[in-house]
Amino acid sequence: MIKLKGLDPVKKYRLKELNLENGQKSSFDLDSKVLTGHELMNAGFMPVCKKELESMIIGLNLE
């Protein structure tokens, strides 16, 4: 579980998987979803990598 720190709890942030190859669809359930700082700091999120040695780079943009 990843819980972020230091966000503004009332502002909204968009999560986006950044390391996709051309035409590849994200397996990250929250890809392109918008969450509040409160949600990201308290509930957090869990990126799920399904293959051995797989990784994800998740970007966070203020909306």
PDB file of N, CA and C in Angstrom:
ATOM      1  N   MET A   1       0.854  -1.175   0.000  1.00  0.00           N
ATOM      2  CA  MET A   1       0.000   0.000   0.000  1.00  0.00           C
ATOM      3  C   MET A   1       0.895   1.232   0.000  1.00  0.00           C
ATOM      4  N   ILE A   2       0.585   2.186  -0.852  1.00  0.00           N
ATOM      5  CA  ILE A   2       1.321   3.443  -0.908  1.00  0.00           C
ATOM      6  C   ILE A   2       0.424   4.554  -0.382  1.00  0.00           C
ATOM      7  N   LYS A   3       0.889   5.206   0.668  1.00  0.00           N
ATOM      8  CA  LYS A   3       0.189   6.363   1.228  1.00  0.00           C
ATOM      9  C   LYS A   3       1.120   7.557   1.101  1.00  0.00           C
ATOM     10  N   LEU A   4       0.664   8.572   0.397  1.00  0.00           N
ATOM     11  CA  LEU A   4       1.484   9.751   0.158  1.00  0.00           C
ATOM     12  C   LEU A   4       1.431  10.697   1.348  1.00  0.00           C
ATOM     13  N   LYS A   5       2.396  11.591   1.428  1.00  0.00           N
ATOM     14  CA  LYS A   5       2.457  12.576   2.508  1.00  0.00           C
ATOM     15  C   LYS A   5       2.604  13.960   1.905  1.00  0.00           C
ATOM     16  N   GLY A   6       2.169  14.970   2.642  1.00  0.00           N
ATOM     17  CA  GLY A   6       2.419  16.352   2.273  1.00  0.00           C
ATOM     18  C   GLY A   6       1.511  16.934   1.208  1.00  0.00           C
ATOM     19  N   LEU A   7       0.422  16.225   0.858  1.00  0.00           N
ATOM     20  CA  LEU A   7      -0.511  16.751  -0.131  1.00  0.00           C
ATOM     21  C   LEU A   7      -1.527  17.659   0.545  1.00  0.00           C
ATOM     22  N   ASP A   8      -2.134  18.532  -0.235  1.00  0.00           N
ATOM     23  CA  ASP A   8      -3.243  19.342   0.270  1.00  0.00           C
ATOM     24  C   ASP A   8      -4.464  18.428   0.309  1.00  0.00           C
ATOM     25  N   PRO A   9      -5.056  18.206   1.479  1.00  0.00           N
ATOM     26  CA  PRO A   9      -6.151  17.238   1.586  1.00  0.00           C
ATOM     27  C   PRO A   9      -7.394  17.579   0.780  1.00  0.00           C
ATOM     28  N   VAL A  10      -7.632  18.845   0.460  1.00  0.00           N
ATOM     29  CA  VAL A  10      -8.853  19.207  -0.268  1.00  0.00           C
ATOM     30  C   VAL A  10      -8.636  19.331  -1.778  1.00  0.00           C
ATOM     31  N   LYS A  11      -7.389  19.362  -2.215  1.00  0.00           N
ATOM     32  CA  LYS A  11      -7.126  19.453  -3.658  1.00  0.00           C
ATOM     33  C   LYS A  11      -7.256  18.086  -4.299  1.00  0.00           C
ATOM     34  N   LYS A  12      -7.448  18.089  -5.622  1.00  0.00           N
ATOM     35  CA  LYS A  12      -7.635  16.850  -6.368  1.00  0.00           C
ATOM     36  C   LYS A  12      -6.419  16.575  -7.238  1.00  0.00           C
ATOM     37  N   TYR A  13      -6.070  15.286  -7.323  1.00  0.00           N
ATOM     38  CA  TYR A  13      -4.887  14.847  -8.034  1.00  0.00           C
ATOM     39  C   TYR A  13      -5.248  13.710  -8.990  1.00  0.00           C
ATOM     40  N   ARG A  14      -4.662  13.749 -10.186  1.00  0.00           N
ATOM     41  CA  ARG A  14      -4.879  12.689 -11.175  1.00  0.00           C
ATOM     42  C   ARG A  14      -3.673  11.757 -11.177  1.00  0.00           C
ATOM     43  N   LEU A  15      -3.938  10.445 -11.067  1.00  0.00           N
ATOM     44  CA  LEU A  15      -2.900   9.422 -11.137  1.00  0.00           C
ATOM     45  C   LEU A  15      -2.799   8.923 -12.573  1.00  0.00           C
ATOM     46  N   LYS A  16      -1.585   8.699 -13.048  1.00  0.00           N
ATOM     47  CA  LYS A  16      -1.395   8.253 -14.430  1.00  0.00           C
ATOM     48  C   LYS A  16      -0.155   7.365 -14.509  1.00  0.00           C
ATOM     49  N   GLU A  17      -0.301   6.182 -15.106  1.00  0.00           N
ATOM     50  CA  GLU A  17       0.860   5.324 -15.329  1.00  0.00           C
ATOM     51  C   GLU A  17       1.669   5.901 -16.479  1.00  0.00           C
ATOM     52  N   LEU A  18       2.962   6.098 -16.259  1.00  0.00           N
ATOM     53  CA  LEU A  18       3.794   6.799 -17.232  1.00  0.00           C
ATOM     54  C   LEU A  18       4.662   5.902 -18.101  1.00  0.00           C
ATOM     55  N   ASN A  19       4.970   4.723 -17.680  1.00  0.00           N
ATOM     56  CA  ASN A  19       5.941   3.900 -18.403  1.00  0.00           C
ATOM     57  C   ASN A  19       5.308   2.848 -19.317  1.00  0.00           C
ATOM     58  N   LEU A  20       4.283   3.248 -20.050  1.00  0.00           N
ATOM     59  CA  LEU A  20       3.622   2.327 -20.972  1.00  0.00           C
ATOM     60  C   LEU A  20       4.291   2.380 -22.344  1.00  0.00           C
ATOM     61  N   GLU A  21       4.382   1.228 -23.002  1.00  0.00           N
ATOM     62  CA  GLU A  21       4.884   1.193 -24.368  1.00  0.00           C
ATOM     63  C   GLU A  21       3.766   1.637 -25.302  1.00  0.00           C
ATOM     64  N   ASN A  22       4.114   2.039 -26.504  1.00  0.00           N
ATOM     65  CA  ASN A  22       3.124   2.509 -27.479  1.00  0.00           C
ATOM     66  C   ASN A  22       1.976   1.514 -27.634  1.00  0.00           C
ATOM     67  N   GLY A  23       0.751   1.991 -27.438  1.00  0.00           N
ATOM     68  CA  GLY A  23      -0.440   1.175 -27.604  1.00  0.00           C
ATOM     69  C   GLY A  23      -0.764   0.263 -26.429  1.00  0.00           C
ATOM     70  N   GLN A  24       0.088   0.216 -25.436  1.00  0.00           N
ATOM     71  CA  GLN A  24      -0.144  -0.659 -24.285  1.00  0.00           C
ATOM     72  C   GLN A  24      -1.167  -0.027 -23.348  1.00  0.00           C
ATOM     73  N   LYS A  25      -2.108  -0.836 -22.877  1.00  0.00           N
ATOM     74  CA  LYS A  25      -3.125  -0.373 -21.933  1.00  0.00           C
ATOM     75  C   LYS A  25      -2.617  -0.571 -20.506  1.00  0.00           C
ATOM     76  N   SER A  26      -2.900   0.387 -19.665  1.00  0.00           N
ATOM     77  CA  SER A  26      -2.458   0.305 -18.273  1.00  0.00           C
ATOM     78  C   SER A  26      -3.220  -0.780 -17.515  1.00  0.00           C
ATOM     79  N   SER A  27      -2.499  -1.483 -16.655  1.00  0.00           N
ATOM     80  CA  SER A  27      -3.139  -2.460 -15.764  1.00  0.00           C
ATOM     81  C   SER A  27      -3.389  -1.847 -14.384  1.00  0.00           C
ATOM     82  N   PHE A  28      -3.052  -0.576 -14.234  1.00  0.00           N
ATOM     83  CA  PHE A  28      -3.244   0.154 -12.975  1.00  0.00           C
ATOM     84  C   PHE A  28      -4.705   0.576 -12.871  1.00  0.00           C
ATOM     85  N   ASP A  29      -5.402   0.059 -11.878  1.00  0.00           N
ATOM     86  CA  ASP A  29      -6.844   0.307 -11.722  1.00  0.00           C
ATOM     87  C   ASP A  29      -7.192   1.788 -11.621  1.00  0.00           C
ATOM     88  N   LEU A  30      -6.293   2.588 -11.080  1.00  0.00           N
ATOM     89  CA  LEU A  30      -6.579   4.012 -10.876  1.00  0.00           C
ATOM     90  C   LEU A  30      -5.991   4.898 -11.974  1.00  0.00           C
ATOM     91  N   ASP A  31      -5.548   4.303 -13.074  1.00  0.00           N
ATOM     92  CA  ASP A  31      -4.976   5.095 -14.165  1.00  0.00           C
ATOM     93  C   ASP A  31      -5.987   6.132 -14.651  1.00  0.00           C
ATOM     94  N   SER A  32      -5.577   7.382 -14.683  1.00  0.00           N
ATOM     95  CA  SER A  32      -6.381   8.534 -15.124  1.00  0.00           C
ATOM     96  C   SER A  32      -7.507   8.901 -14.156  1.00  0.00           C
ATOM     97  N   LYS A  33      -7.544   8.291 -12.988  1.00  0.00           N
ATOM     98  CA  LYS A  33      -8.560   8.630 -11.991  1.00  0.00           C
ATOM     99  C   LYS A  33      -8.116   9.829 -11.168  1.00  0.00           C
ATOM    100  N   VAL A  34      -9.101  10.580 -10.661  1.00  0.00           N
ATOM    101  CA  VAL A  34      -8.832  11.744  -9.835  1.00  0.00           C
ATOM    102  C   VAL A  34      -9.247  11.430  -8.396  1.00  0.00           C
ATOM    103  N   LEU A  35      -8.317  11.672  -7.465  1.00  0.00           N
ATOM    104  CA  LEU A  35      -8.564  11.446  -6.039  1.00  0.00           C
ATOM    105  C   LEU A  35      -8.155  12.688  -5.267  1.00  0.00           C
ATOM    106  N   THR A  36      -8.733  12.855  -4.092  1.00  0.00           N
ATOM    107  CA  THR A  36      -8.351  13.992  -3.248  1.00  0.00           C
ATOM    108  C   THR A  36      -7.033  13.676  -2.534  1.00  0.00           C
ATOM    109  N   GLY A  37      -6.378  14.741  -2.081  1.00  0.00           N
ATOM    110  CA  GLY A  37      -5.182  14.556  -1.281  1.00  0.00           C
ATOM    111  C   GLY A  37      -5.476  13.754  -0.031  1.00  0.00           C
ATOM    112  N   HIS A  38      -6.648  13.980   0.563  1.00  0.00           N
ATOM    113  CA  HIS A  38      -7.060  13.233   1.751  1.00  0.00           C
ATOM    114  C   HIS A  38      -7.098  11.731   1.453  1.00  0.00           C
ATOM    115  N   GLU A  39      -7.699  11.349   0.330  1.00  0.00           N
ATOM    116  CA  GLU A  39      -7.784   9.929  -0.038  1.00  0.00           C
ATOM    117  C   GLU A  39      -6.395   9.333  -0.261  1.00  0.00           C
ATOM    118  N   LEU A  40      -5.529  10.073  -0.947  1.00  0.00           N
ATOM    119  CA  LEU A  40      -4.196   9.561  -1.249  1.00  0.00           C
ATOM    120  C   LEU A  40      -3.316   9.446  -0.005  1.00  0.00           C
ATOM    121  N   MET A  41      -3.538  10.314   0.969  1.00  0.00           N
ATOM    122  CA  MET A  41      -2.726  10.264   2.191  1.00  0.00           C
ATOM    123  C   MET A  41      -3.271   9.267   3.217  1.00  0.00           C
ATOM    124  N   ASN A  42      -4.580   9.025   3.221  1.00  0.00           N
ATOM    125  CA  ASN A  42      -5.176   8.160   4.247  1.00  0.00           C
ATOM    126  C   ASN A  42      -5.467   6.748   3.750  1.00  0.00           C
ATOM    127  N   ALA A  43      -6.178   6.621   2.643  1.00  0.00           N
ATOM    128  CA  ALA A  43      -6.495   5.295   2.104  1.00  0.00           C
ATOM    129  C   ALA A  43      -5.337   4.766   1.273  1.00  0.00           C
ATOM    130  N   GLY A  44      -4.687   5.667   0.519  1.00  0.00           N
ATOM    131  CA  GLY A  44      -3.575   5.264  -0.332  1.00  0.00           C
ATOM    132  C   GLY A  44      -4.043   4.474  -1.547  1.00  0.00           C
ATOM    133  N   PHE A  45      -3.083   3.853  -2.209  1.00  0.00           N
ATOM    134  CA  PHE A  45      -3.399   3.027  -3.381  1.00  0.00           C
ATOM    135  C   PHE A  45      -2.358   1.926  -3.510  1.00  0.00           C
ATOM    136  N   MET A  46      -2.735   0.883  -4.257  1.00  0.00           N
ATOM    137  CA  MET A  46      -1.854  -0.267  -4.428  1.00  0.00           C
ATOM    138  C   MET A  46      -1.681  -0.563  -5.919  1.00  0.00           C
ATOM    139  N   PRO A  47      -0.525  -0.231  -6.475  1.00  0.00           N
ATOM    140  CA  PRO A  47      -0.277  -0.660  -7.855  1.00  0.00           C
ATOM    141  C   PRO A  47       0.021  -2.159  -7.865  1.00  0.00           C
ATOM    142  N   VAL A  48      -0.573  -2.878  -8.787  1.00  0.00           N
ATOM    143  CA  VAL A  48      -0.398  -4.328  -8.837  1.00  0.00           C
ATOM    144  C   VAL A  48       0.404  -4.692 -10.077  1.00  0.00           C
ATOM    145  N   CYS A  49       1.563  -5.244  -9.858  1.00  0.00           N
ATOM    146  CA  CYS A  49       2.393  -5.742 -10.958  1.00  0.00           C
ATOM    147  C   CYS A  49       2.174  -7.245 -11.044  1.00  0.00           C
ATOM    148  N   LYS A  50       1.824  -7.715 -12.230  1.00  0.00           N
ATOM    149  CA  LYS A  50       1.406  -9.107 -12.392  1.00  0.00           C
ATOM    150  C   LYS A  50       2.515 -10.038 -12.849  1.00  0.00           C
ATOM    151  N   LYS A  51       3.596  -9.478 -13.392  1.00  0.00           N
ATOM    152  CA  LYS A  51       4.690 -10.308 -13.891  1.00  0.00           C
ATOM    153  C   LYS A  51       5.922 -10.114 -13.012  1.00  0.00           C
ATOM    154  N   GLU A  52       6.762 -11.131 -12.968  1.00  0.00           N
ATOM    155  CA  GLU A  52       8.008 -11.027 -12.230  1.00  0.00           C
ATOM    156  C   GLU A  52       8.861  -9.910 -12.825  1.00  0.00           C
ATOM    157  N   LEU A  53       9.460  -9.113 -11.993  1.00  0.00           N
ATOM    158  CA  LEU A  53      10.326  -7.986 -12.376  1.00  0.00           C
ATOM    159  C   LEU A  53       9.585  -6.869 -13.108  1.00  0.00           C
ATOM    160  N   GLU A  54       8.267  -6.844 -13.024  1.00  0.00           N
ATOM    161  CA  GLU A  54       7.479  -5.772 -13.624  1.00  0.00           C
ATOM    162  C   GLU A  54       7.470  -4.570 -12.687  1.00  0.00           C
ATOM    163  N   SER A  55       7.394  -3.383 -13.255  1.00  0.00           N
ATOM    164  CA  SER A  55       7.337  -2.179 -12.428  1.00  0.00           C
ATOM    165  C   SER A  55       6.356  -1.188 -13.046  1.00  0.00           C
ATOM    166  N   MET A  56       5.987  -0.181 -12.262  1.00  0.00           N
ATOM    167  CA  MET A  56       5.114   0.897 -12.722  1.00  0.00           C
ATOM    168  C   MET A  56       5.702   2.215 -12.268  1.00  0.00           C
ATOM    169  N   ILE A  57       5.601   3.207 -13.127  1.00  0.00           N
ATOM    170  CA  ILE A  57       5.913   4.577 -12.736  1.00  0.00           C
ATOM    171  C   ILE A  57       4.591   5.322 -12.764  1.00  0.00           C
ATOM    172  N   ILE A  58       4.187   5.836 -11.605  1.00  0.00           N
ATOM    173  CA  ILE A  58       2.904   6.520 -11.473  1.00  0.00           C
ATOM    174  C   ILE A  58       3.151   8.010 -11.298  1.00  0.00           C
ATOM    175  N   GLY A  59       2.557   8.802 -12.192  1.00  0.00           N
ATOM    176  CA  GLY A  59       2.640  10.243 -12.103  1.00  0.00           C
ATOM    177  C   GLY A  59       1.449  10.791 -11.332  1.00  0.00           C
ATOM    178  N   LEU A  60       1.641  11.919 -10.707  1.00  0.00           N
ATOM    179  CA  LEU A  60       0.609  12.562  -9.908  1.00  0.00           C
ATOM    180  C   LEU A  60       0.540  14.025 -10.342  1.00  0.00           C
ATOM    181  N   ASN A  61      -0.603  14.438 -10.875  1.00  0.00           N
ATOM    182  CA  ASN A  61      -0.771  15.821 -11.340  1.00  0.00           C
ATOM    183  C   ASN A  61      -1.909  16.494 -10.588  1.00  0.00           C
ATOM    184  N   LEU A  62      -1.653  17.717 -10.170  1.00  0.00           N
ATOM    185  CA  LEU A  62      -2.672  18.521  -9.513  1.00  0.00           C
ATOM    186  C   LEU A  62      -3.705  18.932 -10.549  1.00  0.00           C
ATOM    187  N   GLU A  63      -4.976  18.735 -10.236  1.00  0.00           N
ATOM    188  CA  GLU A  63      -6.053  19.080 -11.157  1.00  0.00           C
ATOM    189  C   GLU A  63      -6.456  20.532 -11.002  1.00  0.00           C
TER     190      GLU A  63
END
